[in-house]
Amino acid sequence: MKEAIIDTTIGLPINWFFAYITIVVLMLFEINSAFVISIVQVVVLTILAIIRKYLVRIYFKQGDAYENTKSRD
């Protein structure tokens, strides 16, 4: 549960920022199609979510490994 809460807390500002940047960049290129904007945002946010989840999982996995060695002592 702790990992899910931390991952979501980290993801909220990151996703908001990149969703906003995606819209700004697409508007600079005068792309106003809601369909195209939504596709680009889904791709960008999915890639970011995979990277973020991978990094958070590695962090917690290292903590689990530390707890396992600590409990053996």
PDB file of N, CA and C in Angstrom:
ATOM      1  N   MET A   1       0.824  -1.189   0.000  1.00  0.00           N
ATOM      2  CA  MET A   1       0.000   0.000   0.000  1.00  0.00           C
ATOM      3  C   MET A   1       0.874   1.261   0.000  1.00  0.00           C
ATOM      4  N   LYS A   2       1.958   1.237   0.794  1.00  0.00           N
ATOM      5  CA  LYS A   2       2.845   2.392   0.882  1.00  0.00           C
ATOM      6  C   LYS A   2       3.443   2.718  -0.484  1.00  0.00           C
ATOM      7  N   GLU A   3       3.855   1.678  -1.211  1.00  0.00           N
ATOM      8  CA  GLU A   3       4.442   1.891  -2.547  1.00  0.00           C
ATOM      9  C   GLU A   3       3.438   2.534  -3.494  1.00  0.00           C
ATOM     10  N   ALA A   4       2.203   2.075  -3.465  1.00  0.00           N
ATOM     11  CA  ALA A   4       1.163   2.624  -4.344  1.00  0.00           C
ATOM     12  C   ALA A   4       0.889   4.093  -4.031  1.00  0.00           C
ATOM     13  N   ILE A   5       0.843   4.428  -2.753  1.00  0.00           N
ATOM     14  CA  ILE A   5       0.586   5.814  -2.359  1.00  0.00           C
ATOM     15  C   ILE A   5       1.739   6.718  -2.791  1.00  0.00           C
ATOM     16  N   ILE A   6       2.960   6.273  -2.570  1.00  0.00           N
ATOM     17  CA  ILE A   6       4.123   7.072  -2.958  1.00  0.00           C
ATOM     18  C   ILE A   6       4.203   7.224  -4.468  1.00  0.00           C
ATOM     19  N   ASP A   7       3.957   6.133  -5.198  1.00  0.00           N
ATOM     20  CA  ASP A   7       3.995   6.186  -6.663  1.00  0.00           C
ATOM     21  C   ASP A   7       2.950   7.161  -7.204  1.00  0.00           C
ATOM     22  N   THR A   8       1.766   7.127  -6.638  1.00  0.00           N
ATOM     23  CA  THR A   8       0.696   8.037  -7.072  1.00  0.00           C
ATOM     24  C   THR A   8       1.023   9.478  -6.705  1.00  0.00           C
ATOM     25  N   THR A   9       1.582   9.687  -5.525  1.00  0.00           N
ATOM     26  CA  THR A   9       1.951  11.036  -5.088  1.00  0.00           C
ATOM     27  C   THR A   9       3.046  11.628  -5.970  1.00  0.00           C
ATOM     28  N   ILE A  10       4.004  10.810  -6.346  1.00  0.00           N
ATOM     29  CA  ILE A  10       5.060  11.262  -7.259  1.00  0.00           C
ATOM     30  C   ILE A  10       4.482  11.526  -8.647  1.00  0.00           C
ATOM     31  N   GLY A  11       3.586  10.661  -9.075  1.00  0.00           N
ATOM     32  CA  GLY A  11       3.039  10.746 -10.426  1.00  0.00           C
ATOM     33  C   GLY A  11       2.152  11.951 -10.680  1.00  0.00           C
ATOM     34  N   LEU A  12       1.428  12.402  -9.663  1.00  0.00           N
ATOM     35  CA  LEU A  12       0.480  13.505  -9.860  1.00  0.00           C
ATOM     36  C   LEU A  12       1.138  14.768 -10.404  1.00  0.00           C
ATOM     37  N   PRO A  13       2.154  15.324  -9.750  1.00  0.00           N
ATOM     38  CA  PRO A  13       2.752  16.551 -10.309  1.00  0.00           C
ATOM     39  C   PRO A  13       3.498  16.308 -11.618  1.00  0.00           C
ATOM     40  N   ILE A  14       4.114  15.148 -11.750  1.00  0.00           N
ATOM     41  CA  ILE A  14       4.826  14.840 -12.991  1.00  0.00           C
ATOM     42  C   ILE A  14       3.842  14.772 -14.154  1.00  0.00           C
ATOM     43  N   ASN A  15       2.745  14.047 -13.956  1.00  0.00           N
ATOM     44  CA  ASN A  15       1.747  13.915 -15.032  1.00  0.00           C
ATOM     45  C   ASN A  15       1.092  15.250 -15.363  1.00  0.00           C
ATOM     46  N   TRP A  16       0.785  16.046 -14.336  1.00  0.00           N
ATOM     47  CA  TRP A  16       0.178  17.351 -14.603  1.00  0.00           C
ATOM     48  C   TRP A  16       1.116  18.202 -15.443  1.00  0.00           C
ATOM     49  N   PHE A  17       2.398  18.246 -15.053  1.00  0.00           N
ATOM     50  CA  PHE A  17       3.375  19.052 -15.773  1.00  0.00           C
ATOM     51  C   PHE A  17       3.501  18.604 -17.231  1.00  0.00           C
ATOM     52  N   PHE A  18       3.661  17.313 -17.458  1.00  0.00           N
ATOM     53  CA  PHE A  18       3.846  16.835 -18.821  1.00  0.00           C
ATOM     54  C   PHE A  18       2.567  16.908 -19.656  1.00  0.00           C
ATOM     55  N   ALA A  19       1.409  16.771 -19.025  1.00  0.00           N
ATOM     56  CA  ALA A  19       0.151  16.964 -19.755  1.00  0.00           C
ATOM     57  C   ALA A  19       0.049  18.412 -20.227  1.00  0.00           C
ATOM     58  N   TYR A  20       0.405  19.345 -19.354  1.00  0.00           N
ATOM     59  CA  TYR A  20       0.374  20.762 -19.703  1.00  0.00           C
ATOM     60  C   TYR A  20       1.383  21.071 -20.809  1.00  0.00           C
ATOM     61  N   ILE A  21       2.614  20.585 -20.666  1.00  0.00           N
ATOM     62  CA  ILE A  21       3.655  20.822 -21.672  1.00  0.00           C
ATOM     63  C   ILE A  21       3.250  20.231 -23.017  1.00  0.00           C
ATOM     64  N   THR A  22       2.653  19.054 -22.990  1.00  0.00           N
ATOM     65  CA  THR A  22       2.195  18.420 -24.233  1.00  0.00           C
ATOM     66  C   THR A  22       1.191  19.313 -24.956  1.00  0.00           C
ATOM     67  N   ILE A  23       0.238  19.848 -24.206  1.00  0.00           N
ATOM     68  CA  ILE A  23      -0.772  20.722 -24.820  1.00  0.00           C
ATOM     69  C   ILE A  23      -0.123  21.987 -25.368  1.00  0.00           C
ATOM     70  N   VAL A  24       0.777  22.589 -24.597  1.00  0.00           N
ATOM     71  CA  VAL A  24       1.443  23.822 -25.039  1.00  0.00           C
ATOM     72  C   VAL A  24       2.234  23.579 -26.321  1.00  0.00           C
ATOM     73  N   VAL A  25       3.005  22.500 -26.358  1.00  0.00           N
ATOM     74  CA  VAL A  25       3.812  22.197 -27.550  1.00  0.00           C
ATOM     75  C   VAL A  25       2.910  21.933 -28.763  1.00  0.00           C
ATOM     76  N   LEU A  26       1.856  21.165 -28.562  1.00  0.00           N
ATOM     77  CA  LEU A  26       0.955  20.890 -29.690  1.00  0.00           C
ATOM     78  C   LEU A  26       0.244  22.156 -30.161  1.00  0.00           C
ATOM     79  N   MET A  27      -0.080  23.049 -29.239  1.00  0.00           N
ATOM     80  CA  MET A  27      -0.702  24.306 -29.641  1.00  0.00           C
ATOM     81  C   MET A  27       0.288  25.195 -30.401  1.00  0.00           C
ATOM     82  N   LEU A  28       1.580  25.134 -30.028  1.00  0.00           N
ATOM     83  CA  LEU A  28       2.601  25.888 -30.764  1.00  0.00           C
ATOM     84  C   LEU A  28       2.697  25.414 -32.213  1.00  0.00           C
ATOM     85  N   PHE A  29       2.480  24.116 -32.407  1.00  0.00           N
ATOM     86  CA  PHE A  29       2.485  23.559 -33.763  1.00  0.00           C
ATOM     87  C   PHE A  29       1.106  23.662 -34.421  1.00  0.00           C
ATOM     88  N   GLU A  30       0.205  24.390 -33.757  1.00  0.00           N
ATOM     89  CA  GLU A  30      -1.154  24.631 -34.241  1.00  0.00           C
ATOM     90  C   GLU A  30      -1.927  23.339 -34.484  1.00  0.00           C
ATOM     91  N   ILE A  31      -1.702  22.381 -33.610  1.00  0.00           N
ATOM     92  CA  ILE A  31      -2.472  21.135 -33.646  1.00  0.00           C
ATOM     93  C   ILE A  31      -3.610  21.301 -32.655  1.00  0.00           C
ATOM     94  N   ASN A  32      -4.816  21.398 -33.161  1.00  0.00           N
ATOM     95  CA  ASN A  32      -5.977  21.663 -32.324  1.00  0.00           C
ATOM     96  C   ASN A  32      -6.947  20.489 -32.257  1.00  0.00           C
ATOM     97  N   SER A  33      -6.580  19.387 -32.868  1.00  0.00           N
ATOM     98  CA  SER A  33      -7.444  18.213 -32.876  1.00  0.00           C
ATOM     99  C   SER A  33      -7.412  17.536 -31.509  1.00  0.00           C
ATOM    100  N   ALA A  34      -8.568  17.428 -30.875  1.00  0.00           N
ATOM    101  CA  ALA A  34      -8.653  16.779 -29.567  1.00  0.00           C
ATOM    102  C   ALA A  34      -8.188  15.326 -29.664  1.00  0.00           C
ATOM    103  N   PHE A  35      -8.471  14.684 -30.784  1.00  0.00           N
ATOM    104  CA  PHE A  35      -8.069  13.289 -30.976  1.00  0.00           C
ATOM    105  C   PHE A  35      -6.545  13.158 -30.988  1.00  0.00           C
ATOM    106  N   VAL A  36      -5.871  14.003 -31.735  1.00  0.00           N
ATOM    107  CA  VAL A  36      -4.405  13.955 -31.826  1.00  0.00           C
ATOM    108  C   VAL A  36      -3.784  14.312 -30.475  1.00  0.00           C
ATOM    109  N   ILE A  37      -4.313  15.336 -29.827  1.00  0.00           N
ATOM    110  CA  ILE A  37      -3.797  15.739 -28.525  1.00  0.00           C
ATOM    111  C   ILE A  37      -3.933  14.586 -27.521  1.00  0.00           C
ATOM    112  N   SER A  38      -5.076  13.928 -27.522  1.00  0.00           N
ATOM    113  CA  SER A  38      -5.285  12.837 -26.572  1.00  0.00           C
ATOM    114  C   SER A  38      -4.357  11.655 -26.858  1.00  0.00           C
ATOM    115  N   ILE A  39      -4.110  11.354 -28.132  1.00  0.00           N
ATOM    116  CA  ILE A  39      -3.188  10.265 -28.478  1.00  0.00           C
ATOM    117  C   ILE A  39      -1.773  10.596 -28.008  1.00  0.00           C
ATOM    118  N   VAL A  40      -1.330  11.815 -28.279  1.00  0.00           N
ATOM    119  CA  VAL A  40       0.022  12.217 -27.865  1.00  0.00           C
ATOM    120  C   VAL A  40       0.132  12.170 -26.347  1.00  0.00           C
ATOM    121  N   GLN A  41      -0.854  12.663 -25.647  1.00  0.00           N
ATOM    122  CA  GLN A  41      -0.803  12.646 -24.188  1.00  0.00           C
ATOM    123  C   GLN A  41      -0.793  11.220 -23.634  1.00  0.00           C
ATOM    124  N   VAL A  42      -1.583  10.346 -24.200  1.00  0.00           N
ATOM    125  CA  VAL A  42      -1.595   8.951 -23.742  1.00  0.00           C
ATOM    126  C   VAL A  42      -0.221   8.317 -23.928  1.00  0.00           C
ATOM    127  N   VAL A  43       0.390   8.552 -25.072  1.00  0.00           N
ATOM    128  CA  VAL A  43       1.720   7.980 -25.331  1.00  0.00           C
ATOM    129  C   VAL A  43       2.748   8.541 -24.348  1.00  0.00           C
ATOM    130  N   VAL A  44       2.788   9.850 -24.208  1.00  0.00           N
ATOM    131  CA  VAL A  44       3.766  10.491 -23.325  1.00  0.00           C
ATOM    132  C   VAL A  44       3.560  10.049 -21.872  1.00  0.00           C
ATOM    133  N   LEU A  45       2.329  10.096 -21.390  1.00  0.00           N
ATOM    134  CA  LEU A  45       2.065   9.758 -19.998  1.00  0.00           C
ATOM    135  C   LEU A  45       2.270   8.277 -19.712  1.00  0.00           C
ATOM    136  N   THR A  46       2.011   7.419 -20.689  1.00  0.00           N
ATOM    137  CA  THR A  46       2.254   5.987 -20.510  1.00  0.00           C
ATOM    138  C   THR A  46       3.745   5.695 -20.382  1.00  0.00           C
ATOM    139  N   ILE A  47       4.533   6.305 -21.246  1.00  0.00           N
ATOM    140  CA  ILE A  47       5.994   6.117 -21.174  1.00  0.00           C
ATOM    141  C   ILE A  47       6.521   6.608 -19.831  1.00  0.00           C
ATOM    142  N   LEU A  48       6.071   7.780 -19.403  1.00  0.00           N
ATOM    143  CA  LEU A  48       6.502   8.309 -18.110  1.00  0.00           C
ATOM    144  C   LEU A  48       6.061   7.416 -16.949  1.00  0.00           C
ATOM    145  N   ALA A  49       4.854   6.873 -17.030  1.00  0.00           N
ATOM    146  CA  ALA A  49       4.353   6.000 -15.962  1.00  0.00           C
ATOM    147  C   ALA A  49       5.175   4.724 -15.863  1.00  0.00           C
ATOM    148  N   ILE A  50       5.544   4.163 -16.995  1.00  0.00           N
ATOM    149  CA  ILE A  50       6.350   2.944 -16.986  1.00  0.00           C
ATOM    150  C   ILE A  50       7.713   3.217 -16.361  1.00  0.00           C
ATOM    151  N   ILE A  51       8.338   4.316 -16.756  1.00  0.00           N
ATOM    152  CA  ILE A  51       9.647   4.676 -16.196  1.00  0.00           C
ATOM    153  C   ILE A  51       9.532   4.945 -14.698  1.00  0.00           C
ATOM    154  N   ARG A  52       8.527   5.737 -14.308  1.00  0.00           N
ATOM    155  CA  ARG A  52       8.349   6.066 -12.894  1.00  0.00           C
ATOM    156  C   ARG A  52       8.086   4.818 -12.059  1.00  0.00           C
ATOM    157  N   LYS A  53       7.202   3.960 -12.525  1.00  0.00           N
ATOM    158  CA  LYS A  53       6.865   2.746 -11.778  1.00  0.00           C
ATOM    159  C   LYS A  53       8.081   1.837 -11.651  1.00  0.00           C
ATOM    160  N   TYR A  54       8.873   1.742 -12.695  1.00  0.00           N
ATOM    161  CA  TYR A  54      10.089   0.933 -12.659  1.00  0.00           C
ATOM    162  C   TYR A  54      11.053   1.461 -11.587  1.00  0.00           C
ATOM    163  N   LEU A  55      11.256   2.771 -11.564  1.00  0.00           N
ATOM    164  CA  LEU A  55      12.173   3.375 -10.601  1.00  0.00           C
ATOM    165  C   LEU A  55      11.661   3.236  -9.160  1.00  0.00           C
ATOM    166  N   VAL A  56      10.362   3.436  -8.973  1.00  0.00           N
ATOM    167  CA  VAL A  56       9.784   3.295  -7.637  1.00  0.00           C
ATOM    168  C   VAL A  56       9.889   1.837  -7.182  1.00  0.00           C
ATOM    169  N   ARG A  57       9.623   0.905  -8.087  1.00  0.00           N
ATOM    170  CA  ARG A  57       9.707  -0.518  -7.742  1.00  0.00           C
ATOM    171  C   ARG A  57      11.129  -0.908  -7.350  1.00  0.00           C
ATOM    172  N   ILE A  58      12.111  -0.419  -8.094  1.00  0.00           N
ATOM    173  CA  ILE A  58      13.509  -0.708  -7.760  1.00  0.00           C
ATOM    174  C   ILE A  58      13.844  -0.140  -6.377  1.00  0.00           C
ATOM    175  N   TYR A  59      13.392   1.061  -6.098  1.00  0.00           N
ATOM    176  CA  TYR A  59      13.647   1.683  -4.800  1.00  0.00           C
ATOM    177  C   TYR A  59      13.079   0.822  -3.670  1.00  0.00           C
ATOM    178  N   PHE A  60      11.829   0.382  -3.816  1.00  0.00           N
ATOM    179  CA  PHE A  60      11.212  -0.417  -2.769  1.00  0.00           C
ATOM    180  C   PHE A  60      11.805  -1.818  -2.703  1.00  0.00           C
ATOM    181  N   LYS A  61      12.225  -2.348  -3.830  1.00  0.00           N
ATOM    182  CA  LYS A  61      12.851  -3.666  -3.835  1.00  0.00           C
ATOM    183  C   LYS A  61      14.174  -3.620  -3.083  1.00  0.00           C
ATOM    184  N   GLN A  62      14.931  -2.544  -3.240  1.00  0.00           N
ATOM    185  CA  GLN A  62      16.181  -2.391  -2.490  1.00  0.00           C
ATOM    186  C   GLN A  62      15.893  -2.295  -0.994  1.00  0.00           C
ATOM    187  N   GLY A  63      14.841  -1.606  -0.647  1.00  0.00           N
ATOM    188  CA  GLY A  63      14.447  -1.510   0.760  1.00  0.00           C
ATOM    189  C   GLY A  63      14.037  -2.860   1.318  1.00  0.00           C
ATOM    190  N   ASP A  64      13.332  -3.663   0.503  1.00  0.00           N
ATOM    191  CA  ASP A  64      12.945  -5.007   0.930  1.00  0.00           C
ATOM    192  C   ASP A  64      14.168  -5.875   1.141  1.00  0.00           C
ATOM    193  N   ALA A  65      15.144  -5.763   0.238  1.00  0.00           N
ATOM    194  CA  ALA A  65      16.373  -6.545   0.367  1.00  0.00           C
ATOM    195  C   ALA A  65      17.121  -6.145   1.638  1.00  0.00           C
ATOM    196  N   TYR A  66      17.139  -4.858   1.949  1.00  0.00           N
ATOM    197  CA  TYR A  66      17.795  -4.378   3.171  1.00  0.00           C
ATOM    198  C   TYR A  66      17.090  -4.934   4.406  1.00  0.00           C
ATOM    199  N   GLU A  67      15.763  -4.902   4.397  1.00  0.00           N
ATOM    200  CA  GLU A  67      15.001  -5.415   5.532  1.00  0.00           C
ATOM    201  C   GLU A  67      15.238  -6.909   5.721  1.00  0.00           C
ATOM    202  N   ASN A  68      15.376  -7.656   4.603  1.00  0.00           N
ATOM    203  CA  ASN A  68      15.616  -9.096   4.698  1.00  0.00           C
ATOM    204  C   ASN A  68      16.984  -9.394   5.306  1.00  0.00           C
ATOM    205  N   THR A  69      18.015  -8.644   4.911  1.00  0.00           N
ATOM    206  CA  THR A  69      19.346  -8.874   5.482  1.00  0.00           C
ATOM    207  C   THR A  69      19.393  -8.408   6.929  1.00  0.00           C
ATOM    208  N   LYS A  70      18.665  -7.370   7.249  1.00  0.00           N
ATOM    209  CA  LYS A  70      18.628  -6.832   8.608  1.00  0.00           C
ATOM    210  C   LYS A  70      17.960  -7.838   9.554  1.00  0.00           C
ATOM    211  N   SER A  71      16.908  -8.501   9.073  1.00  0.00           N
ATOM    212  CA  SER A  71      16.183  -9.440   9.922  1.00  0.00           C
ATOM    213  C   SER A  71      16.955 -10.743  10.128  1.00  0.00           C
ATOM    214  N   ARG A  72      17.910 -11.049   9.268  1.00  0.00           N
ATOM    215  CA  ARG A  72      18.726 -12.256   9.434  1.00  0.00           C
ATOM    216  C   ARG A  72      19.731 -12.119  10.567  1.00  0.00           C
ATOM    217  N   ASP A  73      20.103 -10.882  10.865  1.00  0.00           N
ATOM    218  CA  ASP A  73      21.116 -10.661  11.905  1.00  0.00           C
ATOM    219  C   ASP A  73      20.597 -10.903  13.288  1.00  0.00           C
TER     220      ASP A  73
END
